[in-house]
Amino acid sequence: MTSYFRSPPWRLALIGWFALGSVVCVIGCLRHSFPVQFADVVRLDGRGPGAGALSTREWMEDVHARLREMLPPTDKAPLLTDDLTTVRGRPRDVARYFQINRAMQHSLLANSSGLVHTAQATVDVPSAQLEEPWPGFEDVWAPIEPGFALSGRIGYARRGDRVIDADCIIMLPGILADKNVSRTRDVCIALRDAGYHVIAVDLRGHGRTLQRYPDHYPTFGILETGDLIALSEWLEAQPHVRETGMMGFCWGANLAMLAAWEDGRGDDTRDVSERFTGRMRPRNDRPHFRAGILAFSPPLRFERIIDQTTEREWTFLDNPVLAGLQDRVRLRMKQMGYRRPCGSLKRLMHEEAERSPWGTTDVVSEGLNYLRLMPHAGKTVSNKLEHVRTPVLIVHAANDPLCPAQDVADFMSTVRNPHVAAIVLAGGGHDGFAPYAGNYFYSLVFNFYDPGLGAAANLARRTAPVAHAPAPAR
């Protein structure tokens, strides 16, 4: 039989354009909202997993054993924390295990399922218009520092007409996004209805926060980590709020982990420029985010994405996800009135830096040291997550078209902190876990934050606190 790959070039081009047109048509007709179906959600009880004093890694193993039947059938089981390394402690070859072509994950032909789930979860582009109200939520302004507050949309869990005492989960947006995203709305409503308070926020320089404070430009995490710590303290001062936790997708996942590091790093300032310390929020010993942190599809090697968006302008046929990201970068530059709008994330960071409190692009390289989670281009990084003192769970997909799952294995091979766990699922694309396996996704989220059986509750029951070793550079 004649192989398509031995066909004339014109035929291959025709097949490619036909596939592209088909995918574009399909994506345009896809669902982009995935509300919870409570009848299909599994909640833990005191007789099963989570009832002991488990580390976050042990908790994830026990809970996954109960939930795994909710995942779509596949030949390859997910990789949990211990599965991501070999017996010698080296990173496992994730692509080989899942039998995927790592170099083709961005391709429409090779990874259609990952791209479809990604589109279903991330296709919403933040609107310049004010968001429509969410049922049962109210808009608030959370004071961060004198003359500056964050726009938030908060929903309080109730029993009948009465607000109950509960933890409050902070929902973080993806890169260059605000809270006006279908995924954010669906998850926030689900958390509220499951018995948790929840707040979705517009970070500095985005959404309603930008509209009210146009001179407070984003710093991609340098000042935002302090903003989140201030938000946590403000929330815990409100009636009926016990602890706070965080959930982030994509860049929001990175930001959540960086905020957990900022909370626990103490006097370790190796990745903190002296230029930043005078402007950052003053430190205190109060613990934050004690309800735990869920990090979905974090770009652990985000500097690679910066390089990719700077090297060239991508087309939808070449790389749909990078092309979509560049469209968002270009739109941001146009909206902010920056000169020569383009798709380079590096250019955007320099434009924002010129308008930051430091007023110079010199802060970009120093800022990358603060934001870096993994080595890049010969630049080392300290093991930031060794300082984390709250449960952190990284959830990733083997077919993520933007952030290779191998990064998770490489990353976890260096993390000894038992508070930090990870799982790599066979599917879900980038952030598309609700489209891929909605019942598993919501069951995992609700149980992770469970005040009696969740990861944080187990950590609180551990009799011997974990002694953190100093974080060496790697």
Protein backbone atom coordinates (compact mmCIF):
# COMPACT_ATOMS: atom_id res chain seq x y z
CA MET A 1 0.00 0.00 0.00
CA THR A 2 1.33 3.46 -0.91
CA SER A 3 2.09 5.59 2.15
CA TYR A 4 0.73 9.12 2.36
CA PHE A 5 4.20 10.21 3.40
CA ARG A 6 5.56 9.05 0.01
CA SER A 7 2.93 11.06 -1.85
CA PRO A 8 3.82 14.09 -3.96
CA PRO A 9 4.29 17.35 -1.99
CA TRP A 10 1.11 18.85 -3.43
CA ARG A 11 -0.90 15.94 -2.03
CA LEU A 12 0.68 16.29 1.42
CA ALA A 13 -0.08 20.01 1.35
CA LEU A 14 -3.68 19.30 0.36
CA ILE A 15 -4.05 16.80 3.19
CA GLY A 16 -2.56 19.29 5.66
CA TRP A 17 -4.85 22.13 4.64
CA PHE A 18 -7.87 19.82 4.70
CA ALA A 19 -6.96 18.70 8.22
CA LEU A 20 -6.42 22.32 9.27
CA GLY A 21 -9.80 23.38 7.91
CA SER A 22 -11.50 20.45 9.60
CA VAL A 23 -9.94 21.23 12.99
CA VAL A 24 -10.79 24.93 12.72
CA CYS A 25 -14.41 24.05 11.97
CA VAL A 26 -14.53 21.55 14.82
CA ILE A 27 -12.99 23.96 17.34
CA GLY A 28 -15.51 26.62 16.37
CA CYS A 29 -18.35 24.24 17.24
CA LEU A 30 -16.85 22.83 20.46
CA ARG A 31 -18.23 23.23 23.96
CA HIS A 32 -16.26 25.68 26.07
CA SER A 33 -18.20 25.39 29.31
CA PHE A 34 -18.02 22.32 31.56
CA PRO A 35 -20.10 22.77 34.72
CA VAL A 36 -19.79 20.17 37.47
CA GLN A 37 -22.18 17.20 37.57
CA PHE A 38 -22.42 16.61 41.30
CA ALA A 39 -24.18 13.27 40.88
CA ASP A 40 -21.00 11.90 39.26
CA VAL A 41 -18.48 13.38 41.70
CA VAL A 42 -16.78 11.13 44.29
CA ARG A 43 -16.13 12.63 47.72
CA LEU A 44 -13.92 10.97 50.32
CA ASP A 45 -15.20 9.73 53.65
CA GLY A 46 -13.48 8.98 56.94
CA ARG A 47 -13.13 5.27 56.17
CA GLY A 48 -11.14 5.63 52.97
CA PRO A 49 -8.15 7.52 51.55
CA GLY A 50 -7.12 10.73 53.23
CA ALA A 51 -8.13 9.71 56.73
CA GLY A 52 -4.59 9.45 58.08
CA ALA A 53 -1.65 11.81 58.48
CA LEU A 54 -0.28 11.55 54.96
CA SER A 55 2.25 13.62 53.09
CA THR A 56 0.91 15.32 49.97
CA ARG A 57 2.55 12.63 47.84
CA GLU A 58 1.01 9.81 49.87
CA TRP A 59 -2.35 11.55 49.83
CA MET A 60 -2.30 11.84 46.04
CA GLU A 61 -1.45 8.15 45.63
CA ASP A 62 -4.33 7.07 47.88
CA VAL A 63 -6.87 9.42 46.35
CA HIS A 64 -5.91 8.62 42.77
CA ALA A 65 -6.38 4.91 43.50
CA ARG A 66 -9.99 5.68 44.32
CA LEU A 67 -10.63 8.07 41.43
CA ARG A 68 -8.68 6.43 38.58
CA GLU A 69 -11.73 4.56 37.21
CA MET A 70 -13.17 7.97 36.34
CA LEU A 71 -10.46 8.57 33.71
CA PRO A 72 -11.03 7.67 30.05
CA PRO A 73 -9.71 4.22 29.10
CA THR A 74 -6.07 4.26 28.02
CA ASP A 75 -3.21 1.84 27.66
CA LYS A 76 -1.01 3.92 29.94
CA ALA A 77 -1.79 4.70 33.56
CA PRO A 78 -0.96 8.20 34.86
CA LEU A 79 2.47 8.82 36.34
CA LEU A 80 2.45 9.86 39.99
CA THR A 81 5.30 11.56 41.84
CA ASP A 82 7.38 8.45 42.49
CA ASP A 83 6.72 7.18 38.95
CA LEU A 84 8.30 10.30 37.45
CA THR A 85 11.80 9.25 38.53
CA THR A 86 13.81 6.06 38.11
CA VAL A 87 15.16 3.98 40.98
CA ARG A 88 18.35 6.01 40.67
CA GLY A 89 16.44 9.25 41.11
CA ARG A 90 16.73 10.38 37.50
CA PRO A 91 13.81 11.79 35.50
CA ARG A 92 11.77 9.22 33.65
CA ASP A 93 11.37 9.46 29.88
CA VAL A 94 7.74 10.55 29.83
CA ALA A 95 7.37 10.60 26.04
CA ARG A 96 8.66 7.05 25.77
CA TYR A 97 6.32 5.84 28.51
CA PHE A 98 3.24 7.38 26.88
CA GLN A 99 4.52 6.54 23.39
CA ILE A 100 4.23 10.06 22.05
CA ASN A 101 6.40 12.05 19.66
CA ARG A 102 7.61 14.94 21.79
CA ALA A 103 8.63 16.99 18.75
CA MET A 104 5.14 16.78 17.24
CA GLN A 105 2.95 17.68 20.22
CA HIS A 106 2.13 21.05 18.66
CA SER A 107 0.92 19.39 15.43
CA LEU A 108 -2.73 19.19 14.43
CA LEU A 109 -2.14 15.83 12.80
CA ALA A 110 -0.15 14.24 15.64
CA ASN A 111 -1.96 15.64 18.70
CA SER A 112 -5.51 16.51 17.73
CA SER A 113 -7.00 15.42 21.07
CA GLY A 114 -4.56 17.51 23.09
CA LEU A 115 -5.19 20.55 20.90
CA VAL A 116 -8.96 20.13 21.03
CA HIS A 117 -9.02 19.88 24.84
CA THR A 118 -6.68 22.88 25.00
CA ALA A 119 -8.98 24.93 22.77
CA GLN A 120 -12.03 23.96 24.81
CA ALA A 121 -10.41 25.22 28.00
CA THR A 122 -8.46 28.26 26.82
CA VAL A 123 -10.11 29.68 23.71
CA ASP A 124 -11.81 32.51 25.62
CA VAL A 125 -10.02 35.78 24.98
CA PRO A 126 -10.48 38.34 27.79
CA SER A 127 -13.03 40.92 26.75
CA ALA A 128 -12.54 44.65 27.03
CA GLN A 129 -16.14 44.80 28.25
CA LEU A 130 -17.17 44.32 31.87
CA GLU A 131 -18.00 40.72 32.70
CA GLU A 132 -21.54 39.48 33.06
CA PRO A 133 -22.53 38.79 36.70
CA TRP A 134 -22.25 35.22 38.01
CA PRO A 135 -25.26 33.94 39.98
CA GLY A 136 -24.64 34.20 43.70
CA PHE A 137 -21.34 36.12 43.38
CA GLU A 138 -20.54 39.71 44.25
CA ASP A 139 -17.83 42.06 43.00
CA VAL A 140 -15.39 43.32 45.64
CA TRP A 141 -12.20 45.33 45.88
CA ALA A 142 -9.53 43.73 48.04
CA PRO A 143 -7.11 46.32 49.49
CA ILE A 144 -3.47 45.40 48.83
CA GLU A 145 -1.57 48.54 49.74
CA PRO A 146 -2.46 52.20 50.20
CA GLY A 147 -3.97 53.44 46.96
CA PHE A 148 -4.19 50.02 45.31
CA ALA A 149 -6.69 47.13 45.40
CA LEU A 150 -7.45 44.05 43.32
CA SER A 151 -10.77 43.48 41.61
CA GLY A 152 -12.35 40.25 42.76
CA ARG A 153 -15.54 38.29 42.27
CA ILE A 154 -16.37 36.32 45.41
CA GLY A 155 -18.91 33.61 46.08
CA TYR A 156 -19.72 32.50 49.63
CA ALA A 157 -20.74 28.93 50.40
CA ARG A 158 -24.11 28.76 52.11
CA ARG A 159 -26.32 26.36 53.93
CA GLY A 160 -29.79 27.60 53.12
CA ASP A 161 -29.67 31.37 53.50
CA ARG A 162 -26.75 31.32 55.94
CA VAL A 163 -23.09 31.81 55.00
CA ILE A 164 -21.04 28.99 56.51
CA ASP A 165 -17.50 28.99 57.89
CA ALA A 166 -15.22 27.60 55.16
CA ASP A 167 -11.85 27.97 53.47
CA CYS A 168 -11.60 30.42 50.56
CA ILE A 169 -9.90 29.40 47.33
CA ILE A 170 -8.19 32.11 45.26
CA MET A 171 -8.64 31.47 41.52
CA LEU A 172 -5.81 32.78 39.36
CA PRO A 173 -6.05 33.48 35.61
CA GLY A 174 -3.68 32.33 32.87
CA ILE A 175 -1.12 34.58 31.23
CA LEU A 176 -2.41 38.00 30.08
CA ALA A 177 -5.95 36.97 31.11
CA ASP A 178 -8.54 38.20 33.56
CA LYS A 179 -11.39 36.43 35.32
CA ASN A 180 -13.71 36.70 32.31
CA VAL A 181 -13.12 33.10 31.16
CA SER A 182 -15.66 30.27 30.98
CA ARG A 183 -13.32 27.85 32.78
CA THR A 184 -12.87 30.27 35.68
CA ARG A 185 -16.61 30.80 36.02
CA ASP A 186 -17.41 27.07 35.89
CA VAL A 187 -14.81 26.08 38.49
CA CYS A 188 -15.66 28.96 40.82
CA ILE A 189 -19.37 28.13 40.80
CA ALA A 190 -18.55 24.44 41.35
CA LEU A 191 -16.31 25.21 44.34
CA ARG A 192 -18.92 27.52 45.87
CA ASP A 193 -21.66 24.91 45.46
CA ALA A 194 -19.36 22.22 46.92
CA GLY A 195 -19.02 24.16 50.17
CA TYR A 196 -16.00 26.41 49.66
CA HIS A 197 -15.77 30.17 49.47
CA VAL A 198 -14.00 31.21 46.27
CA ILE A 199 -12.70 34.43 44.75
CA ALA A 200 -11.56 35.04 41.17
CA VAL A 201 -9.21 38.00 40.84
CA ASP A 202 -7.89 40.36 38.19
CA LEU A 203 -4.18 40.77 38.87
CA ARG A 204 -2.42 44.12 38.58
CA GLY A 205 -2.49 45.42 35.03
CA HIS A 206 -5.44 43.27 33.94
CA GLY A 207 -9.23 43.40 33.76
CA ARG A 208 -11.06 45.73 36.09
CA THR A 209 -7.93 46.23 38.17
CA LEU A 210 -6.28 47.80 35.11
CA GLN A 211 -9.33 49.94 34.41
CA ARG A 212 -9.27 51.40 37.93
CA TYR A 213 -5.47 51.55 38.35
CA PRO A 214 -4.00 52.09 34.85
CA ASP A 215 -0.60 53.08 36.28
CA HIS A 216 -0.07 49.78 38.12
CA TYR A 217 1.60 47.73 35.42
CA PRO A 218 2.08 43.95 35.69
CA THR A 219 5.45 42.55 36.76
CA PHE A 220 4.70 38.92 35.79
CA GLY A 221 4.99 37.80 39.42
CA ILE A 222 7.61 39.97 41.13
CA LEU A 223 5.04 42.14 42.91
CA GLU A 224 2.09 39.84 42.30
CA THR A 225 3.31 37.28 44.85
CA GLY A 226 3.14 39.95 47.54
CA ASP A 227 -0.30 40.99 46.24
CA LEU A 228 -1.52 37.43 46.75
CA ILE A 229 -0.12 37.27 50.27
CA ALA A 230 -1.91 40.54 51.08
CA LEU A 231 -5.09 39.15 49.50
CA SER A 232 -4.81 36.03 51.67
CA GLU A 233 -4.54 38.12 54.82
CA TRP A 234 -7.49 40.30 53.81
CA LEU A 235 -9.65 37.27 53.09
CA GLU A 236 -8.81 35.57 56.38
CA ALA A 237 -9.87 38.76 58.19
CA GLN A 238 -13.37 38.49 56.66
CA PRO A 239 -16.21 36.83 58.58
CA HIS A 240 -16.69 33.10 57.92
CA VAL A 241 -13.32 32.67 56.14
CA ARG A 242 -10.97 30.17 57.79
CA GLU A 243 -7.87 29.49 55.63
CA THR A 244 -7.04 30.39 52.05
CA GLY A 245 -5.84 28.20 49.21
CA MET A 246 -5.03 28.83 45.56
CA MET A 247 -5.75 27.27 42.19
CA GLY A 248 -3.98 28.35 39.02
CA PHE A 249 -3.91 27.35 35.36
CA CYS A 250 -0.88 27.85 33.10
CA TRP A 251 0.95 30.99 34.23
CA GLY A 252 -1.43 31.22 37.16
CA ALA A 253 -0.07 27.85 38.31
CA ASN A 254 3.49 29.20 38.23
CA LEU A 255 2.39 32.30 40.08
CA ALA A 256 0.69 30.22 42.78
CA MET A 257 3.85 28.19 43.34
CA LEU A 258 5.99 31.34 43.43
CA ALA A 259 3.64 32.85 46.02
CA ALA A 260 4.02 29.70 48.13
CA TRP A 261 7.80 30.06 47.85
CA GLU A 262 7.59 33.74 48.77
CA ASP A 263 5.52 32.75 51.80
CA GLY A 264 8.05 30.18 53.02
CA ARG A 265 11.47 31.36 51.86
CA GLY A 266 12.33 33.22 55.06
CA ASP A 267 15.56 35.17 54.77
CA ASP A 268 16.71 33.34 51.63
CA THR A 269 17.15 36.11 49.06
CA ARG A 270 19.40 34.43 46.49
CA ASP A 271 16.88 34.91 43.68
CA VAL A 272 15.63 38.30 44.92
CA SER A 273 17.37 41.36 43.50
CA GLU A 274 18.25 44.18 45.86
CA ARG A 275 16.42 46.41 43.41
CA PHE A 276 13.19 44.57 44.25
CA THR A 277 13.36 44.27 48.03
CA GLY A 278 12.52 47.88 48.75
CA ARG A 279 9.36 47.73 46.61
CA MET A 280 8.12 44.26 47.59
CA ARG A 281 5.66 43.62 50.37
CA PRO A 282 7.37 43.47 53.80
CA ARG A 283 7.77 39.90 54.99
CA ASN A 284 6.22 38.38 58.09
CA ASP A 285 6.23 34.93 59.69
CA ARG A 286 2.52 34.35 59.23
CA PRO A 287 1.78 31.24 57.13
CA HIS A 288 -0.45 31.70 54.10
CA PHE A 289 -2.42 29.51 51.67
CA ARG A 290 -2.73 26.75 54.26
CA ALA A 291 -5.66 25.16 52.41
CA GLY A 292 -3.21 24.10 49.68
CA ILE A 293 -2.33 24.92 46.08
CA LEU A 294 -3.44 23.20 42.87
CA ALA A 295 -1.22 23.98 39.86
CA PHE A 296 -2.64 22.88 36.49
CA SER A 297 -0.36 22.79 33.42
CA PRO A 298 2.39 25.08 34.78
CA PRO A 299 4.97 26.29 32.22
CA LEU A 300 7.92 25.22 34.37
CA ARG A 301 10.36 26.25 31.62
CA PHE A 302 8.53 29.45 30.70
CA GLU A 303 11.69 31.05 29.34
CA ARG A 304 11.59 28.55 26.51
CA ILE A 305 8.19 29.95 25.57
CA ILE A 306 9.61 33.48 25.73
CA ASP A 307 12.31 32.41 23.28
CA GLN A 308 9.82 30.66 20.99
CA THR A 309 7.59 33.72 20.71
CA THR A 310 10.62 35.90 20.00
CA GLU A 311 12.26 33.73 17.34
CA ARG A 312 9.46 34.04 14.78
CA GLU A 313 5.81 34.79 14.18
CA TRP A 314 3.93 31.49 14.24
CA THR A 315 0.91 30.61 12.11
CA PHE A 316 -2.01 28.47 13.11
CA LEU A 317 -0.82 25.73 10.77
CA ASP A 318 2.74 25.79 12.17
CA ASN A 319 1.83 25.83 15.86
CA PRO A 320 -1.75 26.64 16.89
CA VAL A 321 -0.99 27.21 20.58
CA LEU A 322 2.01 29.50 20.09
CA ALA A 323 0.11 31.36 17.36
CA GLY A 324 -2.77 31.88 19.78
CA LEU A 325 -0.40 33.09 22.51
CA GLN A 326 1.22 35.54 20.10
CA ASP A 327 -2.22 36.85 19.14
CA ARG A 328 -2.85 37.53 22.82
CA VAL A 329 0.52 39.26 23.22
CA ARG A 330 -0.13 41.37 20.13
CA LEU A 331 -3.60 42.31 21.38
CA ARG A 332 -2.17 43.34 24.73
CA MET A 333 0.40 45.58 23.08
CA LYS A 334 -2.27 47.22 20.92
CA GLN A 335 -4.61 47.78 23.87
CA MET A 336 -1.82 49.37 25.90
CA GLY A 337 -0.67 51.57 23.03
CA TYR A 338 2.82 50.08 22.82
CA ARG A 339 4.94 50.77 19.77
CA ARG A 340 5.23 48.23 16.97
CA PRO A 341 2.90 45.54 18.35
CA CYS A 342 4.16 42.01 17.72
CA GLY A 343 3.88 38.51 19.17
CA SER A 344 7.12 38.57 21.17
CA LEU A 345 6.57 37.92 24.85
CA LYS A 346 10.07 39.26 25.53
CA ARG A 347 9.21 42.54 23.81
CA LEU A 348 6.05 42.81 25.87
CA MET A 349 7.97 42.22 29.10
CA HIS A 350 10.39 45.00 28.17
CA GLU A 351 7.53 47.37 27.35
CA GLU A 352 5.87 46.63 30.70
CA ALA A 353 9.21 46.99 32.54
CA GLU A 354 9.69 50.51 31.20
CA ARG A 355 6.42 51.48 32.85
CA SER A 356 6.97 49.50 36.04
CA PRO A 357 7.92 51.15 39.35
CA TRP A 358 11.59 50.71 38.33
CA GLY A 359 11.19 52.38 34.95
CA THR A 360 13.89 50.42 33.13
CA THR A 361 14.25 47.23 31.11
CA ASP A 362 17.26 46.31 33.26
CA VAL A 363 14.87 44.66 35.69
CA VAL A 364 13.82 41.99 33.18
CA SER A 365 16.85 39.74 33.65
CA GLU A 366 16.70 40.20 37.42
CA GLY A 367 13.00 39.46 37.34
CA LEU A 368 13.57 36.25 35.43
CA ASN A 369 15.85 35.08 38.24
CA TYR A 370 12.98 35.60 40.66
CA LEU A 371 10.44 33.87 38.41
CA ARG A 372 12.64 30.97 37.25
CA LEU A 373 11.67 27.49 38.44
CA MET A 374 14.03 25.45 36.24
CA PRO A 375 17.45 26.12 34.72
CA HIS A 376 17.52 27.79 31.32
CA ALA A 377 20.34 28.59 28.90
CA GLY A 378 23.04 27.99 31.49
CA LYS A 379 21.30 30.03 34.18
CA THR A 380 20.89 28.19 37.48
CA VAL A 381 18.04 28.41 39.94
CA SER A 382 17.56 27.59 43.60
CA ASN A 383 15.14 24.86 44.56
CA LYS A 384 12.32 27.23 45.37
CA LEU A 385 9.72 24.61 46.23
CA GLU A 386 11.90 23.18 48.99
CA HIS A 387 10.73 26.19 51.01
CA VAL A 388 7.02 25.53 50.46
CA ARG A 389 5.15 24.76 53.69
CA THR A 390 1.68 24.08 52.29
CA PRO A 391 0.54 21.20 50.04
CA VAL A 392 1.23 21.79 46.34
CA LEU A 393 -0.10 19.43 43.66
CA ILE A 394 1.01 19.79 40.03
CA VAL A 395 -1.41 18.30 37.47
CA HIS A 396 -0.13 17.96 33.91
CA ALA A 397 -1.00 16.15 30.68
CA ALA A 398 1.30 13.96 28.60
CA ASN A 399 -0.14 15.52 25.42
CA ASP A 400 0.23 19.17 26.50
CA PRO A 401 1.04 21.01 23.24
CA LEU A 402 2.65 24.01 24.97
CA CYS A 403 4.50 22.70 28.03
CA PRO A 404 6.15 19.28 27.59
CA ALA A 405 5.29 16.82 30.35
CA GLN A 406 8.97 15.88 30.50
CA ASP A 407 9.49 19.17 32.32
CA VAL A 408 7.44 17.84 35.24
CA ALA A 409 9.62 14.74 35.54
CA ASP A 410 12.80 16.81 35.30
CA PHE A 411 11.46 19.23 37.89
CA MET A 412 10.21 16.65 40.39
CA SER A 413 13.48 14.75 40.26
CA THR A 414 15.03 17.73 42.08
CA VAL A 415 12.24 18.33 44.63
CA ARG A 416 12.59 16.45 47.91
CA ASN A 417 9.86 18.33 49.78
CA PRO A 418 7.05 15.79 50.49
CA HIS A 419 4.55 18.65 50.53
CA VAL A 420 4.98 18.86 46.72
CA ALA A 421 3.38 16.16 44.56
CA ALA A 422 2.64 15.71 40.86
CA ILE A 423 0.60 13.63 38.46
CA VAL A 424 0.89 13.38 34.68
CA LEU A 425 -2.32 12.20 33.01
CA ALA A 426 -2.45 10.63 29.57
CA GLY A 427 -4.68 13.40 28.20
CA GLY A 428 -6.02 16.86 28.86
CA GLY A 429 -3.82 19.01 26.64
CA HIS A 430 -2.97 22.37 28.17
CA ASP A 431 -5.45 23.20 30.96
CA GLY A 432 -8.12 21.00 29.33
CA PHE A 433 -8.76 18.60 32.21
CA ALA A 434 -12.47 19.37 32.55
CA PRO A 435 -13.11 18.55 28.86
CA TYR A 436 -10.89 15.47 29.10
CA ALA A 437 -12.20 13.94 32.35
CA GLY A 438 -14.60 16.28 34.10
CA ASN A 439 -15.68 13.91 36.87
CA TYR A 440 -12.07 13.10 37.79
CA PHE A 441 -11.11 16.77 37.62
CA TYR A 442 -13.85 18.01 39.92
CA SER A 443 -13.50 15.06 42.30
CA LEU A 444 -9.77 15.74 42.64
CA VAL A 445 -10.33 19.48 43.22
CA PHE A 446 -13.04 19.03 45.87
CA ASN A 447 -11.14 16.33 47.75
CA PHE A 448 -7.83 18.19 47.67
CA TYR A 449 -9.37 21.11 49.55
CA ASP A 450 -11.53 18.97 51.86
CA PRO A 451 -11.15 20.52 55.35
CA GLY A 452 -11.10 17.14 57.08
CA LEU A 453 -9.67 14.70 54.54
CA GLY A 454 -7.78 16.86 52.05
CA ALA A 455 -4.05 17.26 51.57
CA ALA A 456 -3.77 20.20 54.00
CA ALA A 457 -5.80 18.42 56.67
CA ASN A 458 -3.45 15.45 56.42
CA LEU A 459 -0.43 17.71 56.66
CA ALA A 460 -1.86 19.25 59.85
CA ARG A 461 -2.21 15.76 61.37
CA ARG A 462 1.40 14.79 60.75
CA THR A 463 3.10 14.45 64.12
CA ALA A 464 6.64 15.28 62.96
CA PRO A 465 7.11 18.48 60.95
CA VAL A 466 9.26 18.20 57.86
CA ALA A 467 12.75 19.65 58.24
CA HIS A 468 13.60 21.63 55.14
CA ALA A 469 17.18 21.41 53.93
CA PRO A 470 18.80 24.53 52.51
CA ALA A 471 17.93 25.04 48.86
CA PRO A 472 21.11 24.68 46.80
CA ALA A 473 21.38 26.15 43.32
CA ARG A 474 21.11 23.66 40.50
